[in-house]
Amino acid sequence: MALEILENYPDNGQMVLAGIAPNGSIIAKKLKNLLQPYLAEEIILQEIQLDKRHPVDIEVSPKVSTDNKVVILVDDVANSGRTLTYALKPYLEGHPKSIHTLVLVDRTHKQFPIQADYVGFSLASTLQEYIDLDVENGEIKGAWME
């Protein structure tokens, strides 16, 4: 996914990787480590805190201007599209150059009109099945489906 981002990122200005806590933040940190050697400007890393079941209150830290920057929202699994849709809200209040979405696992059915731009693995599943990541000491060990 990091290579795909670089292929689509022809020196478009400063990049913001915004990871949705907890697992999206881990993925965003990994991406920053992979991407930074190839970019002239420092990548800004942000963490988004929200309740994924009721994502009304959204906290972004650190608070920095995203005006004229490329924002990439990062999450672990795109289930219904709800979390990514709500996570867009603070970025729509500013004037970013562009906003993209990245997920490690993308489920093929959505209830909200969101499409991941960068996908690690696309999975056809039923609404009753659940996908979870195995995370240990800040490292993603794998993903599984119930």
N, C-alpha and C. Protein backbone atom coordinates (compact mmCIF):
# COMPACT_ATOMS: atom_id res chain seq x y z
N MET A 1 0.83 -1.19 0.00
CA MET A 1 0.00 0.00 0.00
C MET A 1 0.87 1.26 0.00
N ALA A 2 2.01 1.19 0.69
CA ALA A 2 2.91 2.34 0.72
C ALA A 2 3.42 2.65 -0.68
N LEU A 3 3.77 1.62 -1.44
CA LEU A 3 4.23 1.84 -2.81
C LEU A 3 3.13 2.43 -3.68
N GLU A 4 1.91 1.98 -3.48
CA GLU A 4 0.79 2.51 -4.25
C GLU A 4 0.57 3.99 -3.93
N ILE A 5 0.71 4.37 -2.67
CA ILE A 5 0.60 5.78 -2.30
C ILE A 5 1.67 6.59 -3.01
N LEU A 6 2.91 6.10 -2.98
CA LEU A 6 4.01 6.83 -3.63
C LEU A 6 3.79 6.97 -5.14
N GLU A 7 3.24 5.94 -5.76
CA GLU A 7 2.96 6.01 -7.19
C GLU A 7 1.93 7.08 -7.51
N ASN A 8 0.98 7.30 -6.61
CA ASN A 8 -0.09 8.27 -6.83
C ASN A 8 0.19 9.62 -6.18
N TYR A 9 1.41 9.83 -5.71
CA TYR A 9 1.73 11.03 -4.95
C TYR A 9 2.88 11.79 -5.61
N PRO A 10 2.62 12.43 -6.74
CA PRO A 10 3.70 13.13 -7.44
C PRO A 10 3.99 14.50 -6.81
N ASP A 11 4.66 14.48 -5.63
CA ASP A 11 5.06 15.70 -4.93
C ASP A 11 3.89 16.68 -4.79
N ASN A 12 2.84 16.20 -4.17
CA ASN A 12 1.61 16.96 -4.04
C ASN A 12 1.56 17.84 -2.80
N GLY A 13 2.68 18.12 -2.17
CA GLY A 13 2.67 18.91 -0.95
C GLY A 13 2.77 18.03 0.27
N GLN A 14 2.53 18.63 1.42
CA GLN A 14 2.68 17.89 2.67
C GLN A 14 1.55 16.89 2.87
N MET A 15 1.91 15.74 3.45
CA MET A 15 0.97 14.65 3.67
C MET A 15 0.61 14.55 5.15
N VAL A 16 -0.66 14.26 5.41
CA VAL A 16 -1.15 13.98 6.76
C VAL A 16 -1.69 12.56 6.76
N LEU A 17 -1.13 11.71 7.62
CA LEU A 17 -1.65 10.36 7.81
C LEU A 17 -2.46 10.39 9.10
N ALA A 18 -3.77 10.20 8.98
CA ALA A 18 -4.68 10.29 10.12
C ALA A 18 -5.22 8.90 10.43
N GLY A 19 -4.69 8.28 11.47
CA GLY A 19 -5.08 6.94 11.85
C GLY A 19 -6.23 6.93 12.83
N ILE A 20 -7.24 6.13 12.56
CA ILE A 20 -8.38 5.99 13.46
C ILE A 20 -7.99 4.98 14.53
N ALA A 21 -7.96 5.45 15.78
CA ALA A 21 -7.52 4.62 16.90
C ALA A 21 -8.48 3.46 17.14
N PRO A 22 -7.99 2.33 17.59
CA PRO A 22 -6.60 2.09 17.91
C PRO A 22 -5.78 1.54 16.73
N ASN A 23 -6.35 0.63 15.95
CA ASN A 23 -5.57 -0.08 14.93
C ASN A 23 -5.17 0.78 13.74
N GLY A 24 -6.03 1.72 13.34
CA GLY A 24 -5.67 2.60 12.22
C GLY A 24 -4.45 3.44 12.55
N SER A 25 -4.28 3.79 13.82
CA SER A 25 -3.10 4.55 14.24
C SER A 25 -1.82 3.73 14.09
N ILE A 26 -1.91 2.45 14.40
CA ILE A 26 -0.75 1.56 14.25
C ILE A 26 -0.36 1.47 12.78
N ILE A 27 -1.34 1.31 11.92
CA ILE A 27 -1.08 1.22 10.48
C ILE A 27 -0.50 2.53 9.96
N ALA A 28 -1.04 3.66 10.41
CA ALA A 28 -0.55 4.98 9.97
C ALA A 28 0.91 5.17 10.36
N LYS A 29 1.30 4.75 11.56
CA LYS A 29 2.70 4.87 12.00
C LYS A 29 3.62 4.04 11.12
N LYS A 30 3.19 2.82 10.81
CA LYS A 30 3.98 1.96 9.92
C LYS A 30 4.14 2.60 8.54
N LEU A 31 3.04 3.15 8.03
CA LEU A 31 3.10 3.80 6.72
C LEU A 31 4.05 4.99 6.73
N LYS A 32 3.99 5.77 7.81
CA LYS A 32 4.90 6.92 7.89
C LYS A 32 6.36 6.48 7.81
N ASN A 33 6.70 5.42 8.54
CA ASN A 33 8.07 4.91 8.51
C ASN A 33 8.48 4.43 7.12
N LEU A 34 7.54 3.87 6.39
CA LEU A 34 7.84 3.40 5.03
C LEU A 34 7.91 4.53 4.01
N LEU A 35 7.05 5.55 4.17
CA LEU A 35 6.95 6.63 3.18
C LEU A 35 7.96 7.76 3.38
N GLN A 36 8.27 8.08 4.63
CA GLN A 36 9.07 9.28 4.92
C GLN A 36 10.39 9.35 4.17
N PRO A 37 11.14 8.24 4.02
CA PRO A 37 12.42 8.35 3.30
C PRO A 37 12.29 8.83 1.85
N TYR A 38 11.10 8.73 1.28
CA TYR A 38 10.90 9.09 -0.13
C TYR A 38 10.28 10.48 -0.32
N LEU A 39 9.93 11.14 0.76
CA LEU A 39 9.27 12.44 0.67
C LEU A 39 10.13 13.53 1.27
N ALA A 40 10.15 14.68 0.63
CA ALA A 40 10.98 15.79 1.09
C ALA A 40 10.42 16.43 2.36
N GLU A 41 9.11 16.58 2.43
CA GLU A 41 8.49 17.22 3.59
C GLU A 41 8.14 16.20 4.66
N GLU A 42 8.20 16.62 5.91
CA GLU A 42 7.86 15.75 7.04
C GLU A 42 6.37 15.37 6.97
N ILE A 43 6.08 14.10 7.13
CA ILE A 43 4.70 13.61 7.17
C ILE A 43 4.13 13.92 8.55
N ILE A 44 2.94 14.49 8.57
CA ILE A 44 2.25 14.76 9.83
C ILE A 44 1.43 13.53 10.19
N LEU A 45 1.60 13.05 11.42
CA LEU A 45 0.86 11.89 11.90
C LEU A 45 -0.18 12.36 12.90
N GLN A 46 -1.44 12.01 12.64
CA GLN A 46 -2.53 12.37 13.55
C GLN A 46 -3.25 11.11 14.00
N GLU A 47 -3.87 11.20 15.18
CA GLU A 47 -4.69 10.10 15.68
C GLU A 47 -6.12 10.61 15.85
N ILE A 48 -7.06 9.83 15.35
CA ILE A 48 -8.48 10.16 15.45
C ILE A 48 -9.11 9.25 16.50
N GLN A 49 -9.72 9.86 17.50
CA GLN A 49 -10.43 9.12 18.55
C GLN A 49 -11.93 9.30 18.34
N LEU A 50 -12.65 8.19 18.22
CA LEU A 50 -14.10 8.24 18.14
C LEU A 50 -14.68 6.90 18.55
N ASP A 51 -15.91 6.92 18.99
CA ASP A 51 -16.61 5.71 19.34
C ASP A 51 -17.15 5.12 18.03
N LYS A 52 -16.64 3.97 17.64
CA LYS A 52 -17.03 3.41 16.35
C LYS A 52 -18.49 2.99 16.27
N ARG A 53 -19.12 2.76 17.40
CA ARG A 53 -20.55 2.40 17.41
C ARG A 53 -21.44 3.64 17.29
N HIS A 54 -21.00 4.75 17.90
CA HIS A 54 -21.73 6.02 17.87
C HIS A 54 -20.74 7.14 17.62
N PRO A 55 -20.27 7.30 16.39
CA PRO A 55 -19.16 8.21 16.08
C PRO A 55 -19.56 9.68 15.92
N VAL A 56 -20.09 10.27 16.99
CA VAL A 56 -20.52 11.66 16.91
C VAL A 56 -19.41 12.60 17.38
N ASP A 57 -18.82 12.32 18.54
CA ASP A 57 -17.74 13.14 19.08
C ASP A 57 -16.41 12.64 18.54
N ILE A 58 -15.70 13.51 17.85
CA ILE A 58 -14.45 13.13 17.20
C ILE A 58 -13.33 14.02 17.72
N GLU A 59 -12.24 13.39 18.19
CA GLU A 59 -11.07 14.12 18.67
C GLU A 59 -9.90 13.80 17.75
N VAL A 60 -9.22 14.83 17.27
CA VAL A 60 -8.05 14.67 16.42
C VAL A 60 -6.86 15.29 17.14
N SER A 61 -5.77 14.51 17.25
CA SER A 61 -4.57 15.06 17.87
C SER A 61 -3.34 14.59 17.12
N PRO A 62 -2.34 15.43 16.99
CA PRO A 62 -2.35 16.84 17.38
C PRO A 62 -3.21 17.65 16.41
N LYS A 63 -3.69 18.77 16.90
CA LYS A 63 -4.49 19.66 16.06
C LYS A 63 -3.54 20.50 15.22
N VAL A 64 -3.60 20.30 13.92
CA VAL A 64 -2.79 21.08 12.98
C VAL A 64 -3.67 21.43 11.78
N SER A 65 -3.32 22.47 11.11
CA SER A 65 -4.06 22.85 9.91
C SER A 65 -3.79 21.83 8.81
N THR A 66 -4.84 21.43 8.14
CA THR A 66 -4.69 20.52 7.00
C THR A 66 -4.93 21.26 5.68
N ASP A 67 -5.01 22.59 5.76
CA ASP A 67 -5.20 23.37 4.55
C ASP A 67 -4.08 23.11 3.55
N ASN A 68 -4.46 22.84 2.32
CA ASN A 68 -3.53 22.61 1.21
C ASN A 68 -2.61 21.41 1.43
N LYS A 69 -3.06 20.44 2.23
CA LYS A 69 -2.29 19.22 2.48
C LYS A 69 -3.08 18.02 1.96
N VAL A 70 -2.37 16.95 1.67
CA VAL A 70 -3.00 15.70 1.27
C VAL A 70 -3.26 14.90 2.55
N VAL A 71 -4.52 14.56 2.79
CA VAL A 71 -4.92 13.81 3.98
C VAL A 71 -5.26 12.38 3.57
N ILE A 72 -4.68 11.43 4.30
CA ILE A 72 -5.03 10.03 4.08
C ILE A 72 -5.58 9.49 5.39
N LEU A 73 -6.88 9.16 5.40
CA LEU A 73 -7.53 8.55 6.56
C LEU A 73 -7.20 7.06 6.55
N VAL A 74 -6.74 6.55 7.70
CA VAL A 74 -6.29 5.16 7.78
C VAL A 74 -7.10 4.42 8.84
N ASP A 75 -7.66 3.26 8.45
CA ASP A 75 -8.37 2.42 9.40
C ASP A 75 -8.02 0.97 9.13
N ASP A 76 -8.38 0.10 10.08
CA ASP A 76 -8.05 -1.30 9.92
C ASP A 76 -9.02 -2.03 9.00
N VAL A 77 -10.32 -1.99 9.32
CA VAL A 77 -11.33 -2.72 8.55
C VAL A 77 -12.46 -1.77 8.17
N ALA A 78 -12.82 -1.75 6.91
CA ALA A 78 -13.99 -0.99 6.46
C ALA A 78 -15.16 -1.95 6.43
N ASN A 79 -16.03 -1.82 7.42
CA ASN A 79 -17.20 -2.68 7.48
C ASN A 79 -18.38 -2.02 6.78
N SER A 80 -19.04 -1.11 7.46
CA SER A 80 -20.21 -0.45 6.89
C SER A 80 -19.84 0.85 6.17
N GLY A 81 -18.67 1.40 6.48
CA GLY A 81 -18.28 2.70 5.95
C GLY A 81 -18.60 3.84 6.90
N ARG A 82 -19.29 3.54 8.00
CA ARG A 82 -19.71 4.55 8.96
C ARG A 82 -18.51 5.27 9.61
N THR A 83 -17.54 4.53 10.10
CA THR A 83 -16.41 5.14 10.80
C THR A 83 -15.64 6.08 9.87
N LEU A 84 -15.33 5.64 8.67
CA LEU A 84 -14.60 6.49 7.74
C LEU A 84 -15.41 7.73 7.37
N THR A 85 -16.71 7.57 7.21
CA THR A 85 -17.56 8.71 6.87
C THR A 85 -17.52 9.76 7.97
N TYR A 86 -17.70 9.34 9.21
CA TYR A 86 -17.67 10.29 10.32
C TYR A 86 -16.27 10.87 10.55
N ALA A 87 -15.24 10.07 10.32
CA ALA A 87 -13.86 10.54 10.51
C ALA A 87 -13.51 11.65 9.51
N LEU A 88 -14.24 11.75 8.43
CA LEU A 88 -14.02 12.82 7.45
C LEU A 88 -14.41 14.20 7.98
N LYS A 89 -15.34 14.24 8.93
CA LYS A 89 -15.93 15.50 9.38
C LYS A 89 -14.91 16.58 9.74
N PRO A 90 -13.93 16.33 10.60
CA PRO A 90 -12.99 17.41 10.95
C PRO A 90 -12.18 17.91 9.75
N TYR A 91 -11.96 17.06 8.77
CA TYR A 91 -11.16 17.45 7.61
C TYR A 91 -11.98 18.24 6.60
N LEU A 92 -13.28 18.05 6.59
CA LEU A 92 -14.15 18.81 5.70
C LEU A 92 -14.34 20.24 6.19
N GLU A 93 -14.03 20.49 7.46
CA GLU A 93 -14.11 21.85 8.00
C GLU A 93 -12.94 22.72 7.55
N GLY A 94 -11.87 22.10 7.07
CA GLY A 94 -10.71 22.84 6.56
C GLY A 94 -10.71 22.83 5.04
N HIS A 95 -9.54 23.05 4.49
CA HIS A 95 -9.40 23.10 3.02
C HIS A 95 -8.21 22.24 2.58
N PRO A 96 -8.29 20.90 2.79
CA PRO A 96 -7.19 20.06 2.32
C PRO A 96 -7.13 20.03 0.80
N LYS A 97 -5.93 19.76 0.29
CA LYS A 97 -5.75 19.63 -1.16
C LYS A 97 -6.54 18.43 -1.68
N SER A 98 -6.48 17.32 -0.93
CA SER A 98 -7.25 16.13 -1.27
C SER A 98 -7.36 15.24 -0.03
N ILE A 99 -8.35 14.36 -0.05
CA ILE A 99 -8.56 13.41 1.04
C ILE A 99 -8.69 12.02 0.41
N HIS A 100 -7.95 11.07 0.97
CA HIS A 100 -7.99 9.69 0.49
C HIS A 100 -8.26 8.79 1.69
N THR A 101 -8.68 7.56 1.42
CA THR A 101 -8.92 6.59 2.48
C THR A 101 -8.09 5.34 2.24
N LEU A 102 -7.61 4.75 3.33
CA LEU A 102 -6.81 3.54 3.26
C LEU A 102 -7.29 2.59 4.35
N VAL A 103 -7.54 1.34 3.97
CA VAL A 103 -7.92 0.31 4.94
C VAL A 103 -7.12 -0.96 4.67
N LEU A 104 -6.82 -1.67 5.74
CA LEU A 104 -6.10 -2.92 5.60
C LEU A 104 -7.01 -4.00 5.01
N VAL A 105 -8.27 -4.05 5.49
CA VAL A 105 -9.24 -5.02 4.99
C VAL A 105 -10.51 -4.26 4.60
N ASP A 106 -10.98 -4.48 3.40
CA ASP A 106 -12.19 -3.82 2.90
C ASP A 106 -13.25 -4.88 2.65
N ARG A 107 -14.38 -4.73 3.34
CA ARG A 107 -15.51 -5.62 3.08
C ARG A 107 -16.30 -5.07 1.90
N THR A 108 -16.87 -5.94 1.12
CA THR A 108 -17.47 -5.52 -0.15
C THR A 108 -18.87 -4.95 -0.03
N HIS A 109 -19.45 -4.97 1.15
CA HIS A 109 -20.78 -4.38 1.30
C HIS A 109 -20.68 -3.16 2.21
N LYS A 110 -21.31 -2.09 1.82
CA LYS A 110 -21.27 -0.85 2.59
C LYS A 110 -22.69 -0.35 2.80
N GLN A 111 -22.88 0.32 3.93
CA GLN A 111 -24.16 0.97 4.21
C GLN A 111 -24.03 2.48 4.05
N PHE A 112 -22.79 2.96 3.98
CA PHE A 112 -22.51 4.38 3.78
C PHE A 112 -21.73 4.54 2.48
N PRO A 113 -21.90 5.67 1.80
CA PRO A 113 -21.28 5.85 0.47
C PRO A 113 -19.80 6.21 0.56
N ILE A 114 -18.98 5.23 0.96
CA ILE A 114 -17.54 5.47 1.07
C ILE A 114 -16.80 4.34 0.36
N GLN A 115 -15.76 4.71 -0.33
CA GLN A 115 -14.94 3.76 -1.08
C GLN A 115 -13.50 3.96 -0.65
N ALA A 116 -12.82 2.89 -0.26
CA ALA A 116 -11.41 2.99 0.12
C ALA A 116 -10.56 3.17 -1.14
N ASP A 117 -9.65 4.15 -1.08
CA ASP A 117 -8.75 4.40 -2.22
C ASP A 117 -7.58 3.41 -2.23
N TYR A 118 -7.12 3.03 -1.05
CA TYR A 118 -6.01 2.08 -0.91
C TYR A 118 -6.48 0.93 -0.03
N VAL A 119 -6.38 -0.29 -0.56
CA VAL A 119 -6.89 -1.47 0.13
C VAL A 119 -5.81 -2.53 0.18
N GLY A 120 -5.58 -3.07 1.39
CA GLY A 120 -4.64 -4.18 1.52
C GLY A 120 -5.25 -5.47 1.02
N PHE A 121 -6.49 -5.75 1.46
CA PHE A 121 -7.15 -6.99 1.10
C PHE A 121 -8.65 -6.74 1.03
N SER A 122 -9.28 -7.10 -0.07
CA SER A 122 -10.72 -6.96 -0.24
C SER A 122 -11.36 -8.32 0.01
N LEU A 123 -12.44 -8.31 0.81
CA LEU A 123 -13.02 -9.56 1.25
C LEU A 123 -14.53 -9.54 1.09
N ALA A 124 -15.07 -10.54 0.41
CA ALA A 124 -16.52 -10.70 0.33
C ALA A 124 -16.96 -11.43 1.59
N SER A 125 -17.89 -10.84 2.31
CA SER A 125 -18.36 -11.45 3.54
C SER A 125 -19.85 -11.16 3.70
N THR A 126 -20.47 -11.83 4.66
CA THR A 126 -21.87 -11.55 4.95
C THR A 126 -21.94 -10.48 6.04
N LEU A 127 -23.11 -9.89 6.21
CA LEU A 127 -23.30 -8.88 7.25
C LEU A 127 -23.11 -9.46 8.64
N GLN A 128 -23.33 -10.75 8.81
CA GLN A 128 -23.21 -11.39 10.11
C GLN A 128 -21.77 -11.71 10.49
N GLU A 129 -20.88 -11.76 9.52
CA GLU A 129 -19.48 -12.09 9.81
C GLU A 129 -18.74 -10.86 10.32
N TYR A 130 -17.76 -11.11 11.18
CA TYR A 130 -17.01 -10.05 11.83
C TYR A 130 -15.53 -10.25 11.54
N ILE A 131 -14.83 -9.17 11.23
CA ILE A 131 -13.40 -9.23 10.96
C ILE A 131 -12.68 -8.49 12.07
N ASP A 132 -11.64 -9.12 12.60
CA ASP A 132 -10.87 -8.51 13.68
C ASP A 132 -9.38 -8.67 13.37
N LEU A 133 -8.60 -7.72 13.87
CA LEU A 133 -7.15 -7.80 13.72
C LEU A 133 -6.53 -8.33 15.00
N ASP A 134 -5.49 -9.12 14.85
CA ASP A 134 -4.71 -9.61 15.98
C ASP A 134 -3.54 -8.65 16.15
N VAL A 135 -3.57 -7.85 17.23
CA VAL A 135 -2.54 -6.85 17.49
C VAL A 135 -1.84 -7.20 18.79
N GLU A 136 -0.51 -7.21 18.74
CA GLU A 136 0.29 -7.54 19.91
C GLU A 136 1.48 -6.60 19.99
N ASN A 137 1.58 -5.86 21.10
CA ASN A 137 2.67 -4.92 21.34
C ASN A 137 2.83 -3.92 20.19
N GLY A 138 1.72 -3.38 19.71
CA GLY A 138 1.77 -2.39 18.65
C GLY A 138 2.10 -2.94 17.28
N GLU A 139 2.06 -4.25 17.12
CA GLU A 139 2.33 -4.90 15.84
C GLU A 139 1.09 -5.67 15.40
N ILE A 140 0.74 -5.54 14.13
CA ILE A 140 -0.39 -6.29 13.60
C ILE A 140 0.13 -7.66 13.16
N LYS A 141 -0.42 -8.69 13.79
CA LYS A 141 0.04 -10.05 13.53
C LYS A 141 -0.79 -10.75 12.47
N GLY A 142 -2.05 -10.33 12.29
CA GLY A 142 -2.90 -10.98 11.31
C GLY A 142 -4.33 -10.51 11.44
N ALA A 143 -5.17 -11.01 10.56
CA ALA A 143 -6.59 -10.69 10.58
C ALA A 143 -7.36 -11.99 10.49
N TRP A 144 -8.52 -12.02 11.12
CA TRP A 144 -9.34 -13.21 11.05
C TRP A 144 -10.81 -12.84 11.00
N MET A 145 -11.62 -13.80 10.54
CA MET A 145 -13.04 -13.56 10.36
C MET A 145 -13.82 -14.61 11.15
N GLU A 146 -14.88 -14.13 11.83
CA GLU A 146 -15.79 -15.03 12.54
C GLU A 146 -17.07 -15.17 11.76
